[in-house]
Amino acid sequence: MVSKKNINAKPLTLIIEKMFFICACISILSLLIITVYLFISGGPPIFKIGFFNFLFGMEWNPEASKFGILPMITSSLLATLGSVIIGVVVGLFVAIFLAEIGPKWLVKPFSFAIELLAGIPSVVFGFFGLIVIVPLIYNNLGQPISGGLSLLAVIIILSIMILPTIINISETSIRAVRKEYKEGSLALGASHIQTIFKVLIPAAKSGIFTGIVLGIGRAIGETMAVILVAGNSVQMPTGILSSVRTLTSNIALEMGYSADLHREALFATGVVLFTFIMILNILLNVFIRNRRAEL
């Protein structure tokens, strides 16, 4: 016999389900609106300027109607690559320490500090880099012409900023590995360290890769902190101490006073950046799907 309480609960359940559905639709609709608007605003200027002139041009000079973004693409990719190399190594080791090695009394304050690091605004990271990192580079690496505002400063700041993302997701993935894997490895005579690197890490690979891709997205999309430490010179980086300008910095610095074709070129820069991020997400989804198929 169906109780009266269950009958009354059905309409409430339907309402909640509809609310969840509406929220999901709003999320998808927001993404579609942003995507369509960005490509409508930034797609035509790419062909107006010239596809190869825009993507592979070496000079960005709005006054002369020259809009080449190759130096900024290169700077963005180098900064992201450098920060990810540092961030993945440090972040993965910290995640292993928190999940498998560290004592409980030490893990809690470490986890709290990492959560606090994730909540710091990007502009604070930028000021820290400007006041601490940039002078250290200038005083200890031969006083470069850029004054310490350089690709190296960008890499250091971004590597710090992406640490919480990589650490939290990697730690969760390692903890989610079934205990039988670890127990079986130890029972076969493997040491704890061998078990971590030969059993747990491979088993948590898809989750760790997710954290890395999200870290890449954070690094390539960062703006304010990068502006403060990069130097913002539109030039092809010739070394790690070169002053650089990234795609996001270019948009933020010039959007306020741009007009006509200059403004359209900045929207086109956003299209290129958006495309990079979409490619990363597609690669992530393909990797996770293949990994699940293997398991």
C-alpha atoms as a PDB file:
ATOM      1  CA  MET A   1       0.000   0.000   0.000  1.00  0.00           C
ATOM      2  CA  VAL A   2       1.387   3.392  -1.066  1.00  0.00           C
ATOM      3  CA  SER A   3       1.565   5.824   1.818  1.00  0.00           C
ATOM      4  CA  LYS A   4       0.086   9.312   1.625  1.00  0.00           C
ATOM      5  CA  LYS A   5       3.512  10.758   2.411  1.00  0.00           C
ATOM      6  CA  ASN A   6       5.034   9.164  -0.712  1.00  0.00           C
ATOM      7  CA  ILE A   7       2.201  10.464  -2.912  1.00  0.00           C
ATOM      8  CA  ASN A   8       2.754  14.028  -1.649  1.00  0.00           C
ATOM      9  CA  ALA A   9       6.495  13.716  -2.208  1.00  0.00           C
ATOM     10  CA  LYS A  10       6.144  12.972  -5.940  1.00  0.00           C
ATOM     11  CA  PRO A  11       5.239  16.527  -7.060  1.00  0.00           C
ATOM     12  CA  LEU A  12       8.160  17.940  -5.026  1.00  0.00           C
ATOM     13  CA  THR A  13      10.520  15.411  -6.635  1.00  0.00           C
ATOM     14  CA  LEU A  14       9.307  16.416 -10.102  1.00  0.00           C
ATOM     15  CA  ILE A  15       9.809  20.102  -9.318  1.00  0.00           C
ATOM     16  CA  ILE A  16      13.360  19.493  -8.098  1.00  0.00           C
ATOM     17  CA  GLU A  17      14.144  17.407 -11.194  1.00  0.00           C
ATOM     18  CA  LYS A  18      12.840  20.206 -13.430  1.00  0.00           C
ATOM     19  CA  MET A  19      14.987  22.722 -11.544  1.00  0.00           C
ATOM     20  CA  PHE A  20      18.090  20.579 -12.073  1.00  0.00           C
ATOM     21  CA  PHE A  21      17.228  20.249 -15.768  1.00  0.00           C
ATOM     22  CA  ILE A  22      16.766  24.003 -16.128  1.00  0.00           C
ATOM     23  CA  CYS A  23      20.102  24.682 -14.435  1.00  0.00           C
ATOM     24  CA  ALA A  24      21.823  22.232 -16.787  1.00  0.00           C
ATOM     25  CA  CYS A  25      20.187  23.901 -19.791  1.00  0.00           C
ATOM     26  CA  ILE A  26      21.296  27.343 -18.568  1.00  0.00           C
ATOM     27  CA  SER A  27      24.889  26.118 -18.352  1.00  0.00           C
ATOM     28  CA  ILE A  28      24.836  24.694 -21.866  1.00  0.00           C
ATOM     29  CA  LEU A  29      23.022  27.753 -23.238  1.00  0.00           C
ATOM     30  CA  SER A  30      25.563  30.091 -21.660  1.00  0.00           C
ATOM     31  CA  LEU A  31      28.398  28.179 -23.303  1.00  0.00           C
ATOM     32  CA  LEU A  32      26.644  28.242 -26.677  1.00  0.00           C
ATOM     33  CA  ILE A  33      25.981  31.993 -26.451  1.00  0.00           C
ATOM     34  CA  ILE A  34      29.604  32.751 -25.548  1.00  0.00           C
ATOM     35  CA  THR A  35      30.909  30.466 -28.306  1.00  0.00           C
ATOM     36  CA  VAL A  36      28.621  31.844 -31.014  1.00  0.00           C
ATOM     37  CA  TYR A  37      29.235  35.470 -30.023  1.00  0.00           C
ATOM     38  CA  LEU A  38      33.000  34.973 -29.888  1.00  0.00           C
ATOM     39  CA  PHE A  39      33.218  33.295 -33.283  1.00  0.00           C
ATOM     40  CA  ILE A  40      30.837  35.775 -34.937  1.00  0.00           C
ATOM     41  CA  SER A  41      32.864  38.682 -33.565  1.00  0.00           C
ATOM     42  CA  GLY A  42      36.335  37.186 -33.973  1.00  0.00           C
ATOM     43  CA  GLY A  43      36.045  34.792 -36.913  1.00  0.00           C
ATOM     44  CA  PRO A  44      35.603  37.239 -39.856  1.00  0.00           C
ATOM     45  CA  PRO A  45      38.541  39.503 -38.812  1.00  0.00           C
ATOM     46  CA  ILE A  46      40.925  36.542 -39.122  1.00  0.00           C
ATOM     47  CA  PHE A  47      40.100  36.256 -42.820  1.00  0.00           C
ATOM     48  CA  LYS A  48      39.925  40.049 -43.231  1.00  0.00           C
ATOM     49  CA  ILE A  49      43.482  40.380 -41.916  1.00  0.00           C
ATOM     50  CA  GLY A  50      44.554  37.166 -43.610  1.00  0.00           C
ATOM     51  CA  PHE A  51      44.677  33.777 -41.935  1.00  0.00           C
ATOM     52  CA  PHE A  52      48.433  33.299 -42.293  1.00  0.00           C
ATOM     53  CA  ASN A  53      49.207  36.983 -41.703  1.00  0.00           C
ATOM     54  CA  PHE A  54      47.273  36.853 -38.453  1.00  0.00           C
ATOM     55  CA  LEU A  55      48.475  33.519 -37.068  1.00  0.00           C
ATOM     56  CA  PHE A  56      52.036  33.632 -38.349  1.00  0.00           C
ATOM     57  CA  GLY A  57      52.693  37.371 -38.514  1.00  0.00           C
ATOM     58  CA  MET A  58      55.624  38.616 -36.435  1.00  0.00           C
ATOM     59  CA  GLU A  59      54.489  42.213 -35.917  1.00  0.00           C
ATOM     60  CA  TRP A  60      51.613  43.603 -33.854  1.00  0.00           C
ATOM     61  CA  ASN A  61      51.205  47.304 -34.686  1.00  0.00           C
ATOM     62  CA  PRO A  62      47.581  48.508 -34.678  1.00  0.00           C
ATOM     63  CA  GLU A  63      48.573  51.976 -35.942  1.00  0.00           C
ATOM     64  CA  ALA A  64      50.018  50.390 -39.082  1.00  0.00           C
ATOM     65  CA  SER A  65      47.165  47.838 -39.313  1.00  0.00           C
ATOM     66  CA  LYS A  66      49.566  44.966 -38.722  1.00  0.00           C
ATOM     67  CA  PHE A  67      48.140  42.228 -36.538  1.00  0.00           C
ATOM     68  CA  GLY A  68      50.470  39.261 -36.242  1.00  0.00           C
ATOM     69  CA  ILE A  69      50.108  37.157 -33.101  1.00  0.00           C
ATOM     70  CA  LEU A  70      52.794  34.482 -33.560  1.00  0.00           C
ATOM     71  CA  PRO A  71      55.061  36.009 -30.846  1.00  0.00           C
ATOM     72  CA  MET A  72      52.130  35.987 -28.421  1.00  0.00           C
ATOM     73  CA  ILE A  73      51.138  32.420 -29.328  1.00  0.00           C
ATOM     74  CA  THR A  74      54.726  31.302 -28.800  1.00  0.00           C
ATOM     75  CA  SER A  75      54.989  33.155 -25.480  1.00  0.00           C
ATOM     76  CA  SER A  76      51.700  31.676 -24.252  1.00  0.00           C
ATOM     77  CA  LEU A  77      52.704  28.134 -25.202  1.00  0.00           C
ATOM     78  CA  LEU A  78      56.197  28.433 -23.686  1.00  0.00           C
ATOM     79  CA  ALA A  79      54.849  29.927 -20.459  1.00  0.00           C
ATOM     80  CA  THR A  80      52.190  27.214 -20.201  1.00  0.00           C
ATOM     81  CA  LEU A  81      54.632  24.415 -21.013  1.00  0.00           C
ATOM     82  CA  GLY A  82      57.222  25.615 -18.492  1.00  0.00           C
ATOM     83  CA  SER A  83      54.681  26.099 -15.725  1.00  0.00           C
ATOM     84  CA  VAL A  84      53.079  22.708 -16.346  1.00  0.00           C
ATOM     85  CA  ILE A  85      56.438  20.903 -16.249  1.00  0.00           C
ATOM     86  CA  ILE A  86      57.224  22.436 -12.850  1.00  0.00           C
ATOM     87  CA  GLY A  87      53.644  22.245 -11.569  1.00  0.00           C
ATOM     88  CA  VAL A  88      53.134  18.586 -12.536  1.00  0.00           C
ATOM     89  CA  VAL A  89      56.348  17.388 -10.898  1.00  0.00           C
ATOM     90  CA  VAL A  90      55.818  19.337  -7.669  1.00  0.00           C
ATOM     91  CA  GLY A  91      52.042  18.833  -7.603  1.00  0.00           C
ATOM     92  CA  LEU A  92      52.186  15.088  -8.184  1.00  0.00           C
ATOM     93  CA  PHE A  93      54.805  14.576  -5.473  1.00  0.00           C
ATOM     94  CA  VAL A  94      52.757  16.647  -3.023  1.00  0.00           C
ATOM     95  CA  ALA A  95      49.620  14.649  -3.908  1.00  0.00           C
ATOM     96  CA  ILE A  96      51.501  11.377  -3.285  1.00  0.00           C
ATOM     97  CA  PHE A  97      52.734  12.710   0.050  1.00  0.00           C
ATOM     98  CA  LEU A  98      49.224  13.722   1.137  1.00  0.00           C
ATOM     99  CA  ALA A  99      47.531  10.539  -0.056  1.00  0.00           C
ATOM    100  CA  GLU A 100      50.074   7.864   0.856  1.00  0.00           C
ATOM    101  CA  ILE A 101      53.124   8.989   2.807  1.00  0.00           C
ATOM    102  CA  GLY A 102      52.367  11.904   5.124  1.00  0.00           C
ATOM    103  CA  PRO A 103      51.184  11.298   8.705  1.00  0.00           C
ATOM    104  CA  LYS A 104      47.613  12.367   9.430  1.00  0.00           C
ATOM    105  CA  TRP A 105      48.663  15.133  11.822  1.00  0.00           C
ATOM    106  CA  LEU A 106      50.708  16.734   9.029  1.00  0.00           C
ATOM    107  CA  VAL A 107      48.329  16.093   6.128  1.00  0.00           C
ATOM    108  CA  LYS A 108      45.536  18.289   7.527  1.00  0.00           C
ATOM    109  CA  PRO A 109      47.549  21.541   7.803  1.00  0.00           C
ATOM    110  CA  PHE A 110      49.110  20.863   4.389  1.00  0.00           C
ATOM    111  CA  SER A 111      45.665  20.358   2.841  1.00  0.00           C
ATOM    112  CA  PHE A 112      44.396  23.531   4.493  1.00  0.00           C
ATOM    113  CA  ALA A 113      47.367  25.496   3.135  1.00  0.00           C
ATOM    114  CA  ILE A 114      46.740  24.180  -0.389  1.00  0.00           C
ATOM    115  CA  GLU A 115      43.054  25.128  -0.197  1.00  0.00           C
ATOM    116  CA  LEU A 116      44.091  28.582   1.003  1.00  0.00           C
ATOM    117  CA  LEU A 117      46.508  28.851  -1.928  1.00  0.00           C
ATOM    118  CA  ALA A 118      43.656  28.062  -4.321  1.00  0.00           C
ATOM    119  CA  GLY A 119      41.602  30.938  -2.906  1.00  0.00           C
ATOM    120  CA  ILE A 120      44.213  33.669  -3.335  1.00  0.00           C
ATOM    121  CA  PRO A 121      43.229  36.145  -6.092  1.00  0.00           C
ATOM    122  CA  SER A 122      45.434  36.136  -9.170  1.00  0.00           C
ATOM    123  CA  VAL A 123      46.331  39.798  -8.735  1.00  0.00           C
ATOM    124  CA  VAL A 124      47.938  38.922  -5.377  1.00  0.00           C
ATOM    125  CA  PHE A 125      50.108  36.334  -7.125  1.00  0.00           C
ATOM    126  CA  GLY A 126      51.024  39.024  -9.620  1.00  0.00           C
ATOM    127  CA  PHE A 127      52.054  41.483  -6.903  1.00  0.00           C
ATOM    128  CA  PHE A 128      54.060  38.765  -5.181  1.00  0.00           C
ATOM    129  CA  GLY A 129      55.839  38.045  -8.445  1.00  0.00           C
ATOM    130  CA  LEU A 130      56.469  41.735  -9.101  1.00  0.00           C
ATOM    131  CA  ILE A 131      57.836  42.429  -5.621  1.00  0.00           C
ATOM    132  CA  VAL A 132      59.694  39.154  -4.912  1.00  0.00           C
ATOM    133  CA  ILE A 133      60.276  37.015  -8.029  1.00  0.00           C
ATOM    134  CA  VAL A 134      61.165  39.790 -10.495  1.00  0.00           C
ATOM    135  CA  PRO A 135      63.862  41.373  -8.241  1.00  0.00           C
ATOM    136  CA  LEU A 136      65.319  37.917  -7.523  1.00  0.00           C
ATOM    137  CA  ILE A 137      65.645  37.248 -11.244  1.00  0.00           C
ATOM    138  CA  TYR A 138      67.164  40.675 -11.887  1.00  0.00           C
ATOM    139  CA  ASN A 139      69.691  40.508  -9.040  1.00  0.00           C
ATOM    140  CA  ASN A 140      70.775  36.896  -9.480  1.00  0.00           C
ATOM    141  CA  LEU A 141      70.690  36.273 -13.234  1.00  0.00           C
ATOM    142  CA  GLY A 142      72.945  38.978 -14.624  1.00  0.00           C
ATOM    143  CA  GLN A 143      70.584  41.968 -14.432  1.00  0.00           C
ATOM    144  CA  PRO A 144      68.812  41.335 -17.757  1.00  0.00           C
ATOM    145  CA  ILE A 145      67.647  44.213 -19.943  1.00  0.00           C
ATOM    146  CA  SER A 146      64.033  43.325 -19.193  1.00  0.00           C
ATOM    147  CA  GLY A 147      64.637  44.196 -15.524  1.00  0.00           C
ATOM    148  CA  GLY A 148      63.487  40.770 -14.398  1.00  0.00           C
ATOM    149  CA  LEU A 149      60.091  41.085 -16.092  1.00  0.00           C
ATOM    150  CA  SER A 150      60.418  37.952 -18.159  1.00  0.00           C
ATOM    151  CA  LEU A 151      59.180  34.612 -19.374  1.00  0.00           C
ATOM    152  CA  LEU A 152      60.891  32.984 -16.386  1.00  0.00           C
ATOM    153  CA  ALA A 153      58.881  35.121 -13.947  1.00  0.00           C
ATOM    154  CA  VAL A 154      55.674  34.144 -15.754  1.00  0.00           C
ATOM    155  CA  ILE A 155      56.563  30.443 -15.579  1.00  0.00           C
ATOM    156  CA  ILE A 156      57.320  30.594 -11.847  1.00  0.00           C
ATOM    157  CA  ILE A 157      54.090  32.441 -10.991  1.00  0.00           C
ATOM    158  CA  LEU A 158      51.905  30.208 -13.175  1.00  0.00           C
ATOM    159  CA  SER A 159      53.486  27.042 -11.768  1.00  0.00           C
ATOM    160  CA  ILE A 160      52.534  28.199  -8.264  1.00  0.00           C
ATOM    161  CA  MET A 161      49.008  29.114  -9.362  1.00  0.00           C
ATOM    162  CA  ILE A 162      48.219  25.743 -10.944  1.00  0.00           C
ATOM    163  CA  LEU A 163      49.528  23.701  -8.005  1.00  0.00           C
ATOM    164  CA  PRO A 164      46.218  23.532  -6.061  1.00  0.00           C
ATOM    165  CA  THR A 165      44.339  22.202  -9.110  1.00  0.00           C
ATOM    166  CA  ILE A 166      46.884  19.479  -9.855  1.00  0.00           C
ATOM    167  CA  ILE A 167      47.381  18.528  -6.194  1.00  0.00           C
ATOM    168  CA  ASN A 168      43.693  18.284  -5.249  1.00  0.00           C
ATOM    169  CA  ILE A 169      42.602  16.264  -8.293  1.00  0.00           C
ATOM    170  CA  SER A 170      45.661  13.999  -8.224  1.00  0.00           C
ATOM    171  CA  GLU A 171      45.253  13.320  -4.508  1.00  0.00           C
ATOM    172  CA  THR A 172      41.580  12.472  -4.950  1.00  0.00           C
ATOM    173  CA  SER A 173      42.404  10.152  -7.864  1.00  0.00           C
ATOM    174  CA  ILE A 174      45.114   8.318  -5.897  1.00  0.00           C
ATOM    175  CA  ARG A 175      42.829   7.880  -2.886  1.00  0.00           C
ATOM    176  CA  ALA A 176      40.085   6.542  -5.182  1.00  0.00           C
ATOM    177  CA  VAL A 177      42.209   3.592  -6.372  1.00  0.00           C
ATOM    178  CA  ARG A 178      40.813   0.343  -4.997  1.00  0.00           C
ATOM    179  CA  LYS A 179      42.599  -0.895  -1.882  1.00  0.00           C
ATOM    180  CA  GLU A 180      42.914  -4.363  -3.412  1.00  0.00           C
ATOM    181  CA  TYR A 181      45.481  -3.020  -5.897  1.00  0.00           C
ATOM    182  CA  LYS A 182      47.717  -1.720  -3.145  1.00  0.00           C
ATOM    183  CA  GLU A 183      47.267  -4.741  -0.912  1.00  0.00           C
ATOM    184  CA  GLY A 184      47.962  -7.140  -3.780  1.00  0.00           C
ATOM    185  CA  SER A 185      51.156  -5.306  -4.733  1.00  0.00           C
ATOM    186  CA  LEU A 186      52.434  -5.287  -1.160  1.00  0.00           C
ATOM    187  CA  ALA A 187      51.507  -8.966  -0.759  1.00  0.00           C
ATOM    188  CA  LEU A 188      53.648  -9.814  -3.801  1.00  0.00           C
ATOM    189  CA  GLY A 189      56.683  -8.267  -2.133  1.00  0.00           C
ATOM    190  CA  ALA A 190      56.750  -4.778  -3.675  1.00  0.00           C
ATOM    191  CA  SER A 191      57.834  -1.910  -1.445  1.00  0.00           C
ATOM    192  CA  HIS A 192      55.545   0.971  -0.619  1.00  0.00           C
ATOM    193  CA  ILE A 193      57.331   3.300  -3.054  1.00  0.00           C
ATOM    194  CA  GLN A 194      57.257   0.684  -5.818  1.00  0.00           C
ATOM    195  CA  THR A 195      53.535   0.207  -5.208  1.00  0.00           C
ATOM    196  CA  ILE A 196      52.924   3.943  -5.466  1.00  0.00           C
ATOM    197  CA  PHE A 197      54.747   4.456  -8.759  1.00  0.00           C
ATOM    198  CA  LYS A 198      54.004   1.122 -10.455  1.00  0.00           C
ATOM    199  CA  VAL A 199      50.456   0.452  -9.269  1.00  0.00           C
ATOM    200  CA  LEU A 200      48.677   3.471  -7.775  1.00  0.00           C
ATOM    201  CA  ILE A 201      49.897   6.145 -10.208  1.00  0.00           C
ATOM    202  CA  PRO A 202      49.083   4.094 -13.345  1.00  0.00           C
ATOM    203  CA  ALA A 203      45.674   3.214 -11.899  1.00  0.00           C
ATOM    204  CA  ALA A 204      44.946   6.890 -11.162  1.00  0.00           C
ATOM    205  CA  LYS A 205      46.367   8.071 -14.497  1.00  0.00           C
ATOM    206  CA  SER A 206      43.106   9.352 -15.978  1.00  0.00           C
ATOM    207  CA  GLY A 207      42.348  11.509 -12.936  1.00  0.00           C
ATOM    208  CA  ILE A 208      45.901  12.840 -12.794  1.00  0.00           C
ATOM    209  CA  PHE A 209      45.736  13.699 -16.489  1.00  0.00           C
ATOM    210  CA  THR A 210      42.471  15.544 -15.845  1.00  0.00           C
ATOM    211  CA  GLY A 211      44.197  17.665 -13.206  1.00  0.00           C
ATOM    212  CA  ILE A 212      47.059  18.395 -15.600  1.00  0.00           C
ATOM    213  CA  VAL A 213      44.709  19.509 -18.377  1.00  0.00           C
ATOM    214  CA  LEU A 214      42.758  21.733 -15.981  1.00  0.00           C
ATOM    215  CA  GLY A 215      46.069  23.170 -14.822  1.00  0.00           C
ATOM    216  CA  ILE A 216      46.996  23.883 -18.437  1.00  0.00           C
ATOM    217  CA  GLY A 217      43.665  25.633 -18.933  1.00  0.00           C
ATOM    218  CA  ARG A 218      44.302  27.761 -15.845  1.00  0.00           C
ATOM    219  CA  ALA A 219      47.825  28.620 -16.989  1.00  0.00           C
ATOM    220  CA  ILE A 220      46.986  29.506 -20.578  1.00  0.00           C
ATOM    221  CA  GLY A 221      43.980  31.590 -19.520  1.00  0.00           C
ATOM    222  CA  GLU A 222      45.627  33.570 -16.711  1.00  0.00           C
ATOM    223  CA  THR A 223      45.776  37.324 -17.292  1.00  0.00           C
ATOM    224  CA  MET A 224      46.305  39.700 -14.385  1.00  0.00           C
ATOM    225  CA  ALA A 225      49.234  37.942 -12.728  1.00  0.00           C
ATOM    226  CA  VAL A 226      50.937  37.534 -16.112  1.00  0.00           C
ATOM    227  CA  ILE A 227      50.538  41.213 -17.001  1.00  0.00           C
ATOM    228  CA  LEU A 228      52.358  42.245 -13.829  1.00  0.00           C
ATOM    229  CA  VAL A 229      55.459  40.072 -14.371  1.00  0.00           C
ATOM    230  CA  ALA A 230      55.790  39.490 -18.128  1.00  0.00           C
ATOM    231  CA  GLY A 231      57.044  42.873 -19.323  1.00  0.00           C
ATOM    232  CA  ASN A 232      54.430  42.806 -22.133  1.00  0.00           C
ATOM    233  CA  SER A 233      56.782  43.419 -25.054  1.00  0.00           C
ATOM    234  CA  VAL A 234      55.384  42.124 -28.345  1.00  0.00           C
ATOM    235  CA  GLN A 235      58.422  40.180 -29.539  1.00  0.00           C
ATOM    236  CA  MET A 236      59.422  36.624 -30.219  1.00  0.00           C
ATOM    237  CA  PRO A 237      61.051  35.298 -27.022  1.00  0.00           C
ATOM    238  CA  THR A 238      64.755  34.683 -27.597  1.00  0.00           C
ATOM    239  CA  GLY A 239      65.414  33.262 -24.142  1.00  0.00           C
ATOM    240  CA  ILE A 240      63.883  32.568 -20.783  1.00  0.00           C
ATOM    241  CA  LEU A 241      64.776  36.106 -19.601  1.00  0.00           C
ATOM    242  CA  SER A 242      63.029  37.821 -22.537  1.00  0.00           C
ATOM    243  CA  SER A 243      60.143  40.194 -21.934  1.00  0.00           C
ATOM    244  CA  VAL A 244      57.010  38.626 -23.421  1.00  0.00           C
ATOM    245  CA  ARG A 245      53.310  39.233 -24.011  1.00  0.00           C
ATOM    246  CA  THR A 246      50.737  36.426 -23.933  1.00  0.00           C
ATOM    247  CA  LEU A 247      47.417  36.210 -25.776  1.00  0.00           C
ATOM    248  CA  THR A 248      45.356  36.969 -22.686  1.00  0.00           C
ATOM    249  CA  SER A 249      47.568  39.907 -21.715  1.00  0.00           C
ATOM    250  CA  ASN A 250      47.234  41.374 -25.184  1.00  0.00           C
ATOM    251  CA  ILE A 251      43.433  41.340 -24.981  1.00  0.00           C
ATOM    252  CA  ALA A 252      43.337  42.828 -21.479  1.00  0.00           C
ATOM    253  CA  LEU A 253      45.884  45.558 -22.194  1.00  0.00           C
ATOM    254  CA  GLU A 254      44.400  46.868 -25.439  1.00  0.00           C
ATOM    255  CA  MET A 255      40.656  46.186 -25.320  1.00  0.00           C
ATOM    256  CA  GLY A 256      39.968  49.408 -23.382  1.00  0.00           C
ATOM    257  CA  TYR A 257      41.095  51.761 -26.165  1.00  0.00           C
ATOM    258  CA  SER A 258      40.730  49.599 -29.285  1.00  0.00           C
ATOM    259  CA  ALA A 259      38.351  50.379 -32.148  1.00  0.00           C
ATOM    260  CA  ASP A 260      37.381  49.114 -35.597  1.00  0.00           C
ATOM    261  CA  LEU A 261      39.791  46.508 -37.010  1.00  0.00           C
ATOM    262  CA  HIS A 262      41.991  46.688 -33.909  1.00  0.00           C
ATOM    263  CA  ARG A 263      39.066  45.681 -31.704  1.00  0.00           C
ATOM    264  CA  GLU A 264      38.079  42.938 -34.128  1.00  0.00           C
ATOM    265  CA  ALA A 265      41.644  41.612 -34.072  1.00  0.00           C
ATOM    266  CA  LEU A 266      41.457  41.320 -30.282  1.00  0.00           C
ATOM    267  CA  PHE A 267      38.258  39.287 -30.597  1.00  0.00           C
ATOM    268  CA  ALA A 268      40.088  37.123 -33.144  1.00  0.00           C
ATOM    269  CA  THR A 269      42.853  36.627 -30.572  1.00  0.00           C
ATOM    270  CA  GLY A 270      40.159  35.397 -28.186  1.00  0.00           C
ATOM    271  CA  VAL A 271      38.991  32.923 -30.839  1.00  0.00           C
ATOM    272  CA  VAL A 272      42.514  31.482 -31.097  1.00  0.00           C
ATOM    273  CA  LEU A 273      42.741  31.177 -27.310  1.00  0.00           C
ATOM    274  CA  PHE A 274      39.293  29.587 -27.104  1.00  0.00           C
ATOM    275  CA  THR A 275      40.270  27.101 -29.813  1.00  0.00           C
ATOM    276  CA  PHE A 276      43.348  26.040 -27.864  1.00  0.00           C
ATOM    277  CA  ILE A 277      41.232  25.364 -24.782  1.00  0.00           C
ATOM    278  CA  MET A 278      38.634  23.401 -26.793  1.00  0.00           C
ATOM    279  CA  ILE A 279      41.378  21.222 -28.277  1.00  0.00           C
ATOM    280  CA  LEU A 280      42.680  20.491 -24.772  1.00  0.00           C
ATOM    281  CA  ASN A 281      39.220  19.476 -23.572  1.00  0.00           C
ATOM    282  CA  ILE A 282      38.668  17.242 -26.602  1.00  0.00           C
ATOM    283  CA  LEU A 283      42.002  15.513 -26.030  1.00  0.00           C
ATOM    284  CA  LEU A 284      41.093  15.017 -22.365  1.00  0.00           C
ATOM    285  CA  ASN A 285      37.734  13.436 -23.208  1.00  0.00           C
ATOM    286  CA  VAL A 286      39.330  11.124 -25.801  1.00  0.00           C
ATOM    287  CA  PHE A 287      42.015  10.057 -23.327  1.00  0.00           C
ATOM    288  CA  ILE A 288      39.521   9.341 -20.536  1.00  0.00           C
ATOM    289  CA  ARG A 289      37.252   7.395 -22.905  1.00  0.00           C
ATOM    290  CA  ASN A 290      40.148   5.258 -24.136  1.00  0.00           C
ATOM    291  CA  ARG A 291      41.352   4.714 -20.578  1.00  0.00           C
ATOM    292  CA  ARG A 292      37.904   3.530 -19.449  1.00  0.00           C
ATOM    293  CA  ALA A 293      37.739   1.187 -22.449  1.00  0.00           C
ATOM    294  CA  GLU A 294      41.077  -0.347 -21.412  1.00  0.00           C
ATOM    295  CA  LEU A 295      39.815  -0.941 -17.885  1.00  0.00           C
END
